[in-house]
Amino acid sequence: MEREACRASFPRVRRGTLRIVGVILFFAWLIASWIVDLLAVYLTFGGLAVLLGIVLAPIVFVIAPWYAGLAHGFWWPLIVEYGGLVVLGLVFGLAEKLFSTRE
C-alpha cells in the first residue's frame, strides 16, 4: 500500500524538481543578461546611460545586445541573452513533454 502511494507521488516530485530548476535557470539568465546588457551600455555610452537603461529596461534588453555586437564586436550580450532563451525553451519544452498530463 505504501509502495503504491510512493510510486504515485514520484512523478510529482520529478515535476516539481524540474520546475524549480527551470525557475532558477530563468532568474539566473534574466540577471546575467541584464548585467551584460548594462555593461555594454556602460562601455558604449557611460554611466548616465546605465541609469537611463535601468529606467528603460525593455528597450535596453532588445537593442543593446545587437548594438554592442554590430557596432563594437562585443557579441557576449547577444550570446547570453538569446542563447539563454534557447536553453530555457529547451528545458521548459522537455518538462512539458516529459510531464504532460495529456494522454
PDB file of N, CA and C in Angstrom:
ATOM      1  N   MET A   1       0.820  -1.184   0.000  1.00  0.00           N
ATOM      2  CA  MET A   1       0.000   0.000   0.000  1.00  0.00           C
ATOM      3  C   MET A   1       0.875   1.263   0.000  1.00  0.00           C
ATOM      4  N   GLU A   2       1.860   1.312   0.904  1.00  0.00           N
ATOM      5  CA  GLU A   2       2.754   2.459   0.948  1.00  0.00           C
ATOM      6  C   GLU A   2       3.574   2.570  -0.329  1.00  0.00           C
ATOM      7  N   ARG A   3       3.933   1.422  -0.864  1.00  0.00           N
ATOM      8  CA  ARG A   3       4.738   1.409  -2.072  1.00  0.00           C
ATOM      9  C   ARG A   3       3.971   2.038  -3.243  1.00  0.00           C
ATOM     10  N   GLU A   4       2.682   1.760  -3.340  1.00  0.00           N
ATOM     11  CA  GLU A   4       1.867   2.344  -4.401  1.00  0.00           C
ATOM     12  C   GLU A   4       1.732   3.843  -4.221  1.00  0.00           C
ATOM     13  N   ALA A   5       1.584   4.298  -2.990  1.00  0.00           N
ATOM     14  CA  ALA A   5       1.486   5.737  -2.724  1.00  0.00           C
ATOM     15  C   ALA A   5       2.803   6.429  -3.079  1.00  0.00           C
ATOM     16  N   CYS A   6       3.905   5.785  -2.754  1.00  0.00           N
ATOM     17  CA  CYS A   6       5.218   6.341  -3.076  1.00  0.00           C
ATOM     18  C   CYS A   6       5.419   6.397  -4.588  1.00  0.00           C
ATOM     19  N   ARG A   7       5.007   5.338  -5.263  1.00  0.00           N
ATOM     20  CA  ARG A   7       5.150   5.264  -6.714  1.00  0.00           C
ATOM     21  C   ARG A   7       4.269   6.322  -7.392  1.00  0.00           C
ATOM     22  N   ALA A   8       3.117   6.600  -6.834  1.00  0.00           N
ATOM     23  CA  ALA A   8       2.210   7.591  -7.406  1.00  0.00           C
ATOM     24  C   ALA A   8       2.720   9.011  -7.185  1.00  0.00           C
ATOM     25  N   SER A   9       3.445   9.265  -6.109  1.00  0.00           N
ATOM     26  CA  SER A   9       3.911  10.623  -5.829  1.00  0.00           C
ATOM     27  C   SER A   9       5.246  10.937  -6.498  1.00  0.00           C
ATOM     28  N   PHE A  10       5.947   9.925  -6.995  1.00  0.00           N
ATOM     29  CA  PHE A  10       7.260  10.161  -7.595  1.00  0.00           C
ATOM     30  C   PHE A  10       7.217  11.089  -8.813  1.00  0.00           C
ATOM     31  N   PRO A  11       6.255  10.940  -9.744  1.00  0.00           N
ATOM     32  CA  PRO A  11       6.207  11.890 -10.865  1.00  0.00           C
ATOM     33  C   PRO A  11       5.987  13.329 -10.419  1.00  0.00           C
ATOM     34  N   ARG A  12       5.216  13.519  -9.346  1.00  0.00           N
ATOM     35  CA  ARG A  12       5.022  14.885  -8.848  1.00  0.00           C
ATOM     36  C   ARG A  12       6.318  15.470  -8.322  1.00  0.00           C
ATOM     37  N   VAL A  13       7.140  14.640  -7.668  1.00  0.00           N
ATOM     38  CA  VAL A  13       8.428  15.106  -7.152  1.00  0.00           C
ATOM     39  C   VAL A  13       9.344  15.475  -8.310  1.00  0.00           C
ATOM     40  N   ARG A  14       9.392  14.643  -9.348  1.00  0.00           N
ATOM     41  CA  ARG A  14      10.235  14.948 -10.512  1.00  0.00           C
ATOM     42  C   ARG A  14       9.760  16.219 -11.197  1.00  0.00           C
ATOM     43  N   ARG A  15       8.453  16.362 -11.353  1.00  0.00           N
ATOM     44  CA  ARG A  15       7.914  17.554 -11.994  1.00  0.00           C
ATOM     45  C   ARG A  15       8.241  18.800 -11.184  1.00  0.00           C
ATOM     46  N   GLY A  16       8.100  18.716  -9.873  1.00  0.00           N
ATOM     47  CA  GLY A  16       8.418  19.848  -9.012  1.00  0.00           C
ATOM     48  C   GLY A  16       9.887  20.202  -9.045  1.00  0.00           C
ATOM     49  N   THR A  17      10.745  19.183  -9.083  1.00  0.00           N
ATOM     50  CA  THR A  17      12.185  19.426  -9.134  1.00  0.00           C
ATOM     51  C   THR A  17      12.572  20.092 -10.441  1.00  0.00           C
ATOM     52  N   LEU A  18      12.048  19.612 -11.543  1.00  0.00           N
ATOM     53  CA  LEU A  18      12.363  20.227 -12.830  1.00  0.00           C
ATOM     54  C   LEU A  18      11.798  21.634 -12.918  1.00  0.00           C
ATOM     55  N   ARG A  19      10.668  21.869 -12.307  1.00  0.00           N
ATOM     56  CA  ARG A  19      10.096  23.218 -12.289  1.00  0.00           C
ATOM     57  C   ARG A  19      10.995  24.167 -11.492  1.00  0.00           C
ATOM     58  N   ILE A  20      11.510  23.701 -10.362  1.00  0.00           N
ATOM     59  CA  ILE A  20      12.413  24.528  -9.554  1.00  0.00           C
ATOM     60  C   ILE A  20      13.686  24.836 -10.330  1.00  0.00           C
ATOM     61  N   VAL A  21      14.240  23.832 -10.994  1.00  0.00           N
ATOM     62  CA  VAL A  21      15.449  24.046 -11.805  1.00  0.00           C
ATOM     63  C   VAL A  21      15.158  25.047 -12.919  1.00  0.00           C
ATOM     64  N   GLY A  22      14.016  24.926 -13.562  1.00  0.00           N
ATOM     65  CA  GLY A  22      13.643  25.861 -14.619  1.00  0.00           C
ATOM     66  C   GLY A  22      13.505  27.287 -14.121  1.00  0.00           C
ATOM     67  N   VAL A  23      12.908  27.460 -12.969  1.00  0.00           N
ATOM     68  CA  VAL A  23      12.746  28.805 -12.403  1.00  0.00           C
ATOM     69  C   VAL A  23      14.103  29.397 -12.013  1.00  0.00           C
ATOM     70  N   ILE A  24      14.967  28.577 -11.425  1.00  0.00           N
ATOM     71  CA  ILE A  24      16.316  29.050 -11.074  1.00  0.00           C
ATOM     72  C   ILE A  24      17.080  29.438 -12.330  1.00  0.00           C
ATOM     73  N   LEU A  25      17.009  28.609 -13.386  1.00  0.00           N
ATOM     74  CA  LEU A  25      17.671  28.945 -14.647  1.00  0.00           C
ATOM     75  C   LEU A  25      17.101  30.236 -15.241  1.00  0.00           C
ATOM     76  N   PHE A  26      15.799  30.408 -15.150  1.00  0.00           N
ATOM     77  CA  PHE A  26      15.179  31.616 -15.689  1.00  0.00           C
ATOM     78  C   PHE A  26      15.702  32.867 -14.992  1.00  0.00           C
ATOM     79  N   PHE A  27      15.729  32.857 -13.662  1.00  0.00           N
ATOM     80  CA  PHE A  27      16.193  34.041 -12.941  1.00  0.00           C
ATOM     81  C   PHE A  27      17.686  34.270 -13.114  1.00  0.00           C
ATOM     82  N   ALA A  28      18.477  33.209 -13.198  1.00  0.00           N
ATOM     83  CA  ALA A  28      19.909  33.357 -13.448  1.00  0.00           C
ATOM     84  C   ALA A  28      20.138  33.964 -14.827  1.00  0.00           C
ATOM     85  N   TRP A  29      19.389  33.494 -15.823  1.00  0.00           N
ATOM     86  CA  TRP A  29      19.511  34.046 -17.169  1.00  0.00           C
ATOM     87  C   TRP A  29      19.072  35.507 -17.199  1.00  0.00           C
ATOM     88  N   LEU A  30      17.985  35.820 -16.523  1.00  0.00           N
ATOM     89  CA  LEU A  30      17.474  37.190 -16.518  1.00  0.00           C
ATOM     90  C   LEU A  30      18.485  38.154 -15.907  1.00  0.00           C
ATOM     91  N   ILE A  31      19.058  37.783 -14.785  1.00  0.00           N
ATOM     92  CA  ILE A  31      20.036  38.649 -14.116  1.00  0.00           C
ATOM     93  C   ILE A  31      21.311  38.756 -14.940  1.00  0.00           C
ATOM     94  N   ALA A  32      21.809  37.637 -15.461  1.00  0.00           N
ATOM     95  CA  ALA A  32      23.046  37.664 -16.246  1.00  0.00           C
ATOM     96  C   ALA A  32      22.882  38.499 -17.507  1.00  0.00           C
ATOM     97  N   SER A  33      21.786  38.342 -18.216  1.00  0.00           N
ATOM     98  CA  SER A  33      21.615  39.116 -19.446  1.00  0.00           C
ATOM     99  C   SER A  33      21.409  40.594 -19.141  1.00  0.00           C
ATOM    100  N   TRP A  34      20.739  40.902 -18.058  1.00  0.00           N
ATOM    101  CA  TRP A  34      20.548  42.303 -17.693  1.00  0.00           C
ATOM    102  C   TRP A  34      21.884  42.956 -17.349  1.00  0.00           C
ATOM    103  N   ILE A  35      22.734  42.251 -16.592  1.00  0.00           N
ATOM    104  CA  ILE A  35      24.038  42.792 -16.223  1.00  0.00           C
ATOM    105  C   ILE A  35      24.917  42.967 -17.456  1.00  0.00           C
ATOM    106  N   VAL A  36      24.938  41.984 -18.335  1.00  0.00           N
ATOM    107  CA  VAL A  36      25.771  42.089 -19.539  1.00  0.00           C
ATOM    108  C   VAL A  36      25.252  43.196 -20.456  1.00  0.00           C
ATOM    109  N   ASP A  37      23.945  43.363 -20.563  1.00  0.00           N
ATOM    110  CA  ASP A  37      23.394  44.457 -21.363  1.00  0.00           C
ATOM    111  C   ASP A  37      23.780  45.811 -20.789  1.00  0.00           C
ATOM    112  N   LEU A  38      23.670  45.957 -19.480  1.00  0.00           N
ATOM    113  CA  LEU A  38      24.052  47.225 -18.861  1.00  0.00           C
ATOM    114  C   LEU A  38      25.560  47.472 -18.974  1.00  0.00           C
ATOM    115  N   LEU A  39      26.349  46.416 -18.950  1.00  0.00           N
ATOM    116  CA  LEU A  39      27.791  46.566 -19.171  1.00  0.00           C
ATOM    117  C   LEU A  39      28.062  47.075 -20.581  1.00  0.00           C
ATOM    118  N   ALA A  40      27.359  46.544 -21.559  1.00  0.00           N
ATOM    119  CA  ALA A  40      27.517  47.011 -22.940  1.00  0.00           C
ATOM    120  C   ALA A  40      27.111  48.474 -23.073  1.00  0.00           C
ATOM    121  N   VAL A  41      26.037  48.864 -22.400  1.00  0.00           N
ATOM    122  CA  VAL A  41      25.608  50.265 -22.434  1.00  0.00           C
ATOM    123  C   VAL A  41      26.650  51.146 -21.753  1.00  0.00           C
ATOM    124  N   TYR A  42      27.194  50.699 -20.634  1.00  0.00           N
ATOM    125  CA  TYR A  42      28.211  51.477 -19.919  1.00  0.00           C
ATOM    126  C   TYR A  42      29.471  51.653 -20.762  1.00  0.00           C
ATOM    127  N   LEU A  43      29.926  50.589 -21.387  1.00  0.00           N
ATOM    128  CA  LEU A  43      31.140  50.682 -22.199  1.00  0.00           C
ATOM    129  C   LEU A  43      30.942  51.568 -23.422  1.00  0.00           C
ATOM    130  N   THR A  44      29.728  51.645 -23.918  1.00  0.00           N
ATOM    131  CA  THR A  44      29.467  52.440 -25.111  1.00  0.00           C
ATOM    132  C   THR A  44      29.118  53.889 -24.790  1.00  0.00           C
ATOM    133  N   PHE A  45      28.245  54.109 -23.829  1.00  0.00           N
ATOM    134  CA  PHE A  45      27.715  55.455 -23.602  1.00  0.00           C
ATOM    135  C   PHE A  45      28.038  56.060 -22.239  1.00  0.00           C
ATOM    136  N   GLY A  46      28.520  55.275 -21.285  1.00  0.00           N
ATOM    137  CA  GLY A  46      28.883  55.824 -19.989  1.00  0.00           C
ATOM    138  C   GLY A  46      27.850  55.565 -18.902  1.00  0.00           C
ATOM    139  N   GLY A  47      28.148  56.108 -17.708  1.00  0.00           N
ATOM    140  CA  GLY A  47      27.349  55.840 -16.517  1.00  0.00           C
ATOM    141  C   GLY A  47      25.946  56.407 -16.543  1.00  0.00           C
ATOM    142  N   LEU A  48      25.779  57.588 -17.107  1.00  0.00           N
ATOM    143  CA  LEU A  48      24.451  58.189 -17.163  1.00  0.00           C
ATOM    144  C   LEU A  48      23.502  57.352 -18.025  1.00  0.00           C
ATOM    145  N   ALA A  49      24.034  56.765 -19.064  1.00  0.00           N
ATOM    146  CA  ALA A  49      23.217  55.910 -19.923  1.00  0.00           C
ATOM    147  C   ALA A  49      22.791  54.634 -19.197  1.00  0.00           C
ATOM    148  N   VAL A  50      23.605  54.171 -18.234  1.00  0.00           N
ATOM    149  CA  VAL A  50      23.213  52.995 -17.453  1.00  0.00           C
ATOM    150  C   VAL A  50      21.986  53.313 -16.607  1.00  0.00           C
ATOM    151  N   LEU A  51      21.970  54.486 -15.993  1.00  0.00           N
ATOM    152  CA  LEU A  51      20.791  54.889 -15.224  1.00  0.00           C
ATOM    153  C   LEU A  51      19.560  54.988 -16.118  1.00  0.00           C
ATOM    154  N   LEU A  52      19.738  55.551 -17.292  1.00  0.00           N
ATOM    155  CA  LEU A  52      18.632  55.628 -18.241  1.00  0.00           C
ATOM    156  C   LEU A  52      18.235  54.233 -18.719  1.00  0.00           C
ATOM    157  N   GLY A  53      19.225  53.346 -18.871  1.00  0.00           N
ATOM    158  CA  GLY A  53      18.953  51.975 -19.288  1.00  0.00           C
ATOM    159  C   GLY A  53      18.180  51.186 -18.251  1.00  0.00           C
ATOM    160  N   ILE A  54      18.407  51.490 -16.984  1.00  0.00           N
ATOM    161  CA  ILE A  54      17.637  50.816 -15.927  1.00  0.00           C
ATOM    162  C   ILE A  54      16.173  51.233 -15.997  1.00  0.00           C
ATOM    163  N   VAL A  55      15.934  52.509 -16.279  1.00  0.00           N
ATOM    164  CA  VAL A  55      14.559  53.001 -16.383  1.00  0.00           C
ATOM    165  C   VAL A  55      13.885  52.434 -17.635  1.00  0.00           C
ATOM    166  N   LEU A  56      14.634  52.362 -18.718  1.00  0.00           N
ATOM    167  CA  LEU A  56      14.095  51.892 -19.993  1.00  0.00           C
ATOM    168  C   LEU A  56      14.536  50.452 -20.271  1.00  0.00           C
ATOM    169  N   ALA A  57      14.411  49.594 -19.280  1.00  0.00           N
ATOM    170  CA  ALA A  57      14.936  48.226 -19.352  1.00  0.00           C
ATOM    171  C   ALA A  57      14.448  47.426 -20.555  1.00  0.00           C
ATOM    172  N   PRO A  58      13.184  47.465 -20.924  1.00  0.00           N
ATOM    173  CA  PRO A  58      12.771  46.651 -22.083  1.00  0.00           C
ATOM    174  C   PRO A  58      13.467  47.058 -23.383  1.00  0.00           C
ATOM    175  N   ILE A  59      13.679  48.348 -23.560  1.00  0.00           N
ATOM    176  CA  ILE A  59      14.352  48.818 -24.771  1.00  0.00           C
ATOM    177  C   ILE A  59      15.811  48.374 -24.765  1.00  0.00           C
ATOM    178  N   VAL A  60      16.452  48.509 -23.619  1.00  0.00           N
ATOM    179  CA  VAL A  60      17.854  48.092 -23.489  1.00  0.00           C
ATOM    180  C   VAL A  60      17.983  46.597 -23.696  1.00  0.00           C
ATOM    181  N   PHE A  61      17.020  45.853 -23.214  1.00  0.00           N
ATOM    182  CA  PHE A  61      17.054  44.396 -23.310  1.00  0.00           C
ATOM    183  C   PHE A  61      17.020  43.927 -24.758  1.00  0.00           C
ATOM    184  N   VAL A  62      16.375  44.677 -25.634  1.00  0.00           N
ATOM    185  CA  VAL A  62      16.265  44.285 -27.034  1.00  0.00           C
ATOM    186  C   VAL A  62      17.373  44.904 -27.884  1.00  0.00           C
ATOM    187  N   ILE A  63      17.648  46.170 -27.715  1.00  0.00           N
ATOM    188  CA  ILE A  63      18.546  46.888 -28.619  1.00  0.00           C
ATOM    189  C   ILE A  63      20.015  46.756 -28.239  1.00  0.00           C
ATOM    190  N   ALA A  64      20.350  46.797 -26.961  1.00  0.00           N
ATOM    191  CA  ALA A  64      21.751  46.835 -26.529  1.00  0.00           C
ATOM    192  C   ALA A  64      22.586  45.653 -27.008  1.00  0.00           C
ATOM    193  N   PRO A  65      22.118  44.409 -26.950  1.00  0.00           N
ATOM    194  CA  PRO A  65      22.968  43.308 -27.411  1.00  0.00           C
ATOM    195  C   PRO A  65      23.282  43.383 -28.906  1.00  0.00           C
ATOM    196  N   TRP A  66      22.299  43.775 -29.699  1.00  0.00           N
ATOM    197  CA  TRP A  66      22.531  43.898 -31.145  1.00  0.00           C
ATOM    198  C   TRP A  66      23.481  45.046 -31.444  1.00  0.00           C
ATOM    199  N   TYR A  67      23.305  46.172 -30.767  1.00  0.00           N
ATOM    200  CA  TYR A  67      24.184  47.313 -30.993  1.00  0.00           C
ATOM    201  C   TYR A  67      25.617  46.991 -30.573  1.00  0.00           C
ATOM    202  N   ALA A  68      25.782  46.344 -29.417  1.00  0.00           N
ATOM    203  CA  ALA A  68      27.125  46.006 -28.953  1.00  0.00           C
ATOM    204  C   ALA A  68      27.809  45.037 -29.911  1.00  0.00           C
ATOM    205  N   GLY A  69      27.080  44.107 -30.461  1.00  0.00           N
ATOM    206  CA  GLY A  69      27.667  43.154 -31.390  1.00  0.00           C
ATOM    207  C   GLY A  69      28.000  43.754 -32.739  1.00  0.00           C
ATOM    208  N   LEU A  70      27.057  44.486 -33.308  1.00  0.00           N
ATOM    209  CA  LEU A  70      27.271  45.025 -34.645  1.00  0.00           C
ATOM    210  C   LEU A  70      28.226  46.216 -34.665  1.00  0.00           C
ATOM    211  N   ALA A  71      28.136  47.093 -33.685  1.00  0.00           N
ATOM    212  CA  ALA A  71      28.959  48.305 -33.701  1.00  0.00           C
ATOM    213  C   ALA A  71      30.342  48.090 -33.095  1.00  0.00           C
ATOM    214  N   HIS A  72      30.445  47.217 -32.090  1.00  0.00           N
ATOM    215  CA  HIS A  72      31.710  47.097 -31.367  1.00  0.00           C
ATOM    216  C   HIS A  72      32.305  45.698 -31.392  1.00  0.00           C
ATOM    217  N   GLY A  73      31.624  44.750 -31.960  1.00  0.00           N
ATOM    218  CA  GLY A  73      32.141  43.388 -31.992  1.00  0.00           C
ATOM    219  C   GLY A  73      32.087  42.694 -30.642  1.00  0.00           C
ATOM    220  N   PHE A  74      31.307  43.225 -29.711  1.00  0.00           N
ATOM    221  CA  PHE A  74      31.138  42.643 -28.372  1.00  0.00           C
ATOM    222  C   PHE A  74      29.876  41.800 -28.408  1.00  0.00           C
ATOM    223  N   TRP A  75      30.027  40.508 -28.744  1.00  0.00           N
ATOM    224  CA  TRP A  75      28.897  39.630 -29.004  1.00  0.00           C
ATOM    225  C   TRP A  75      28.369  38.925 -27.764  1.00  0.00           C
ATOM    226  N   TRP A  76      29.029  39.039 -26.622  1.00  0.00           N
ATOM    227  CA  TRP A  76      28.585  38.316 -25.426  1.00  0.00           C
ATOM    228  C   TRP A  76      27.179  38.679 -24.961  1.00  0.00           C
ATOM    229  N   PRO A  77      26.780  39.943 -25.012  1.00  0.00           N
ATOM    230  CA  PRO A  77      25.385  40.215 -24.611  1.00  0.00           C
ATOM    231  C   PRO A  77      24.369  39.466 -25.464  1.00  0.00           C
ATOM    232  N   LEU A  78      24.613  39.391 -26.759  1.00  0.00           N
ATOM    233  CA  LEU A  78      23.693  38.684 -27.646  1.00  0.00           C
ATOM    234  C   LEU A  78      23.712  37.184 -27.373  1.00  0.00           C
ATOM    235  N   ILE A  79      24.906  36.635 -27.148  1.00  0.00           N
ATOM    236  CA  ILE A  79      25.023  35.202 -26.861  1.00  0.00           C
ATOM    237  C   ILE A  79      24.323  34.854 -25.553  1.00  0.00           C
ATOM    238  N   VAL A  80      24.560  35.658 -24.518  1.00  0.00           N
ATOM    239  CA  VAL A  80      23.950  35.380 -23.211  1.00  0.00           C
ATOM    240  C   VAL A  80      22.440  35.531 -23.277  1.00  0.00           C
ATOM    241  N   GLU A  81      21.990  36.586 -23.929  1.00  0.00           N
ATOM    242  CA  GLU A  81      20.559  36.864 -23.937  1.00  0.00           C
ATOM    243  C   GLU A  81      19.775  35.860 -24.769  1.00  0.00           C
ATOM    244  N   TYR A  82      20.117  35.707 -26.022  1.00  0.00           N
ATOM    245  CA  TYR A  82      19.328  34.837 -26.888  1.00  0.00           C
ATOM    246  C   TYR A  82      19.729  33.373 -26.761  1.00  0.00           C
ATOM    247  N   GLY A  83      20.970  33.090 -26.426  1.00  0.00           N
ATOM    248  CA  GLY A  83      21.377  31.719 -26.138  1.00  0.00           C
ATOM    249  C   GLY A  83      20.678  31.190 -24.895  1.00  0.00           C
ATOM    250  N   GLY A  84      20.529  32.067 -23.896  1.00  0.00           N
ATOM    251  CA  GLY A  84      19.792  31.687 -22.694  1.00  0.00           C
ATOM    252  C   GLY A  84      18.331  31.399 -22.972  1.00  0.00           C
ATOM    253  N   LEU A  85      17.752  32.163 -23.892  1.00  0.00           N
ATOM    254  CA  LEU A  85      16.360  31.898 -24.269  1.00  0.00           C
ATOM    255  C   LEU A  85      16.217  30.531 -24.924  1.00  0.00           C
ATOM    256  N   VAL A  86      17.192  30.150 -25.738  1.00  0.00           N
ATOM    257  CA  VAL A  86      17.145  28.840 -26.388  1.00  0.00           C
ATOM    258  C   VAL A  86      17.229  27.729 -25.337  1.00  0.00           C
ATOM    259  N   VAL A  87      18.157  27.873 -24.390  1.00  0.00           N
ATOM    260  CA  VAL A  87      18.309  26.864 -23.341  1.00  0.00           C
ATOM    261  C   VAL A  87      17.036  26.764 -22.499  1.00  0.00           C
ATOM    262  N   LEU A  88      16.488  27.898 -22.103  1.00  0.00           N
ATOM    263  CA  LEU A  88      15.246  27.877 -21.328  1.00  0.00           C
ATOM    264  C   LEU A  88      14.095  27.265 -22.113  1.00  0.00           C
ATOM    265  N   GLY A  89      14.016  27.561 -23.394  1.00  0.00           N
ATOM    266  CA  GLY A  89      12.973  26.964 -24.214  1.00  0.00           C
ATOM    267  C   GLY A  89      13.099  25.450 -24.278  1.00  0.00           C
ATOM    268  N   LEU A  90      14.338  24.968 -24.370  1.00  0.00           N
ATOM    269  CA  LEU A  90      14.556  23.522 -24.388  1.00  0.00           C
ATOM    270  C   LEU A  90      14.184  22.876 -23.057  1.00  0.00           C
ATOM    271  N   VAL A  91      14.560  23.520 -21.944  1.00  0.00           N
ATOM    272  CA  VAL A  91      14.242  22.956 -20.625  1.00  0.00           C
ATOM    273  C   VAL A  91      12.737  22.918 -20.394  1.00  0.00           C
ATOM    274  N   PHE A  92      12.053  24.013 -20.693  1.00  0.00           N
ATOM    275  CA  PHE A  92      10.613  24.036 -20.472  1.00  0.00           C
ATOM    276  C   PHE A  92       9.885  23.125 -21.460  1.00  0.00           C
ATOM    277  N   GLY A  93      10.372  23.028 -22.694  1.00  0.00           N
ATOM    278  CA  GLY A  93       9.781  22.105 -23.652  1.00  0.00           C
ATOM    279  C   GLY A  93       9.958  20.655 -23.230  1.00  0.00           C
ATOM    280  N   LEU A  94      11.148  20.336 -22.704  1.00  0.00           N
ATOM    281  CA  LEU A  94      11.406  18.986 -22.208  1.00  0.00           C
ATOM    282  C   LEU A  94      10.503  18.665 -21.022  1.00  0.00           C
ATOM    283  N   ALA A  95      10.355  19.621 -20.131  1.00  0.00           N
ATOM    284  CA  ALA A  95       9.479  19.403 -18.976  1.00  0.00           C
ATOM    285  C   ALA A  95       8.038  19.182 -19.424  1.00  0.00           C
ATOM    286  N   GLU A  96       7.594  19.943 -20.398  1.00  0.00           N
ATOM    287  CA  GLU A  96       6.219  19.784 -20.907  1.00  0.00           C
ATOM    288  C   GLU A  96       6.049  18.420 -21.557  1.00  0.00           C
ATOM    289  N   LYS A  97       7.039  17.987 -22.296  1.00  0.00           N
ATOM    290  CA  LYS A  97       6.954  16.696 -22.977  1.00  0.00           C
ATOM    291  C   LYS A  97       6.988  15.529 -21.989  1.00  0.00           C
ATOM    292  N   LEU A  98       7.870  15.619 -21.001  1.00  0.00           N
ATOM    293  CA  LEU A  98       8.026  14.522 -20.055  1.00  0.00           C
ATOM    294  C   LEU A  98       6.866  14.408 -19.076  1.00  0.00           C
ATOM    295  N   PHE A  99       6.354  15.539 -18.628  1.00  0.00           N
ATOM    296  CA  PHE A  99       5.396  15.515 -17.530  1.00  0.00           C
ATOM    297  C   PHE A  99       4.016  16.019 -17.907  1.00  0.00           C
ATOM    298  N   SER A 100       3.699  15.988 -19.189  1.00  0.00           N
ATOM    299  CA  SER A 100       2.377  16.412 -19.613  1.00  0.00           C
ATOM    300  C   SER A 100       1.329  15.433 -19.109  1.00  0.00           C
ATOM    301  N   THR A 101       0.220  15.941 -18.652  1.00  0.00           N
ATOM    302  CA  THR A 101      -0.849  15.080 -18.139  1.00  0.00           C
ATOM    303  C   THR A 101      -1.780  14.643 -19.254  1.00  0.00           C
ATOM    304  N   ARG A 102      -1.611  15.245 -20.441  1.00  0.00           N
ATOM    305  CA  ARG A 102      -2.450  14.838 -21.576  1.00  0.00           C
ATOM    306  C   ARG A 102      -1.985  13.482 -22.092  1.00  0.00           C
ATOM    307  N   GLU A 103      -2.927  12.689 -22.488  1.00  0.00           N
ATOM    308  CA  GLU A 103      -2.611  11.340 -22.977  1.00  0.00           C
ATOM    309  C   GLU A 103      -2.655  11.322 -24.491  1.00  0.00           C
TER     310      GLU A 103
END
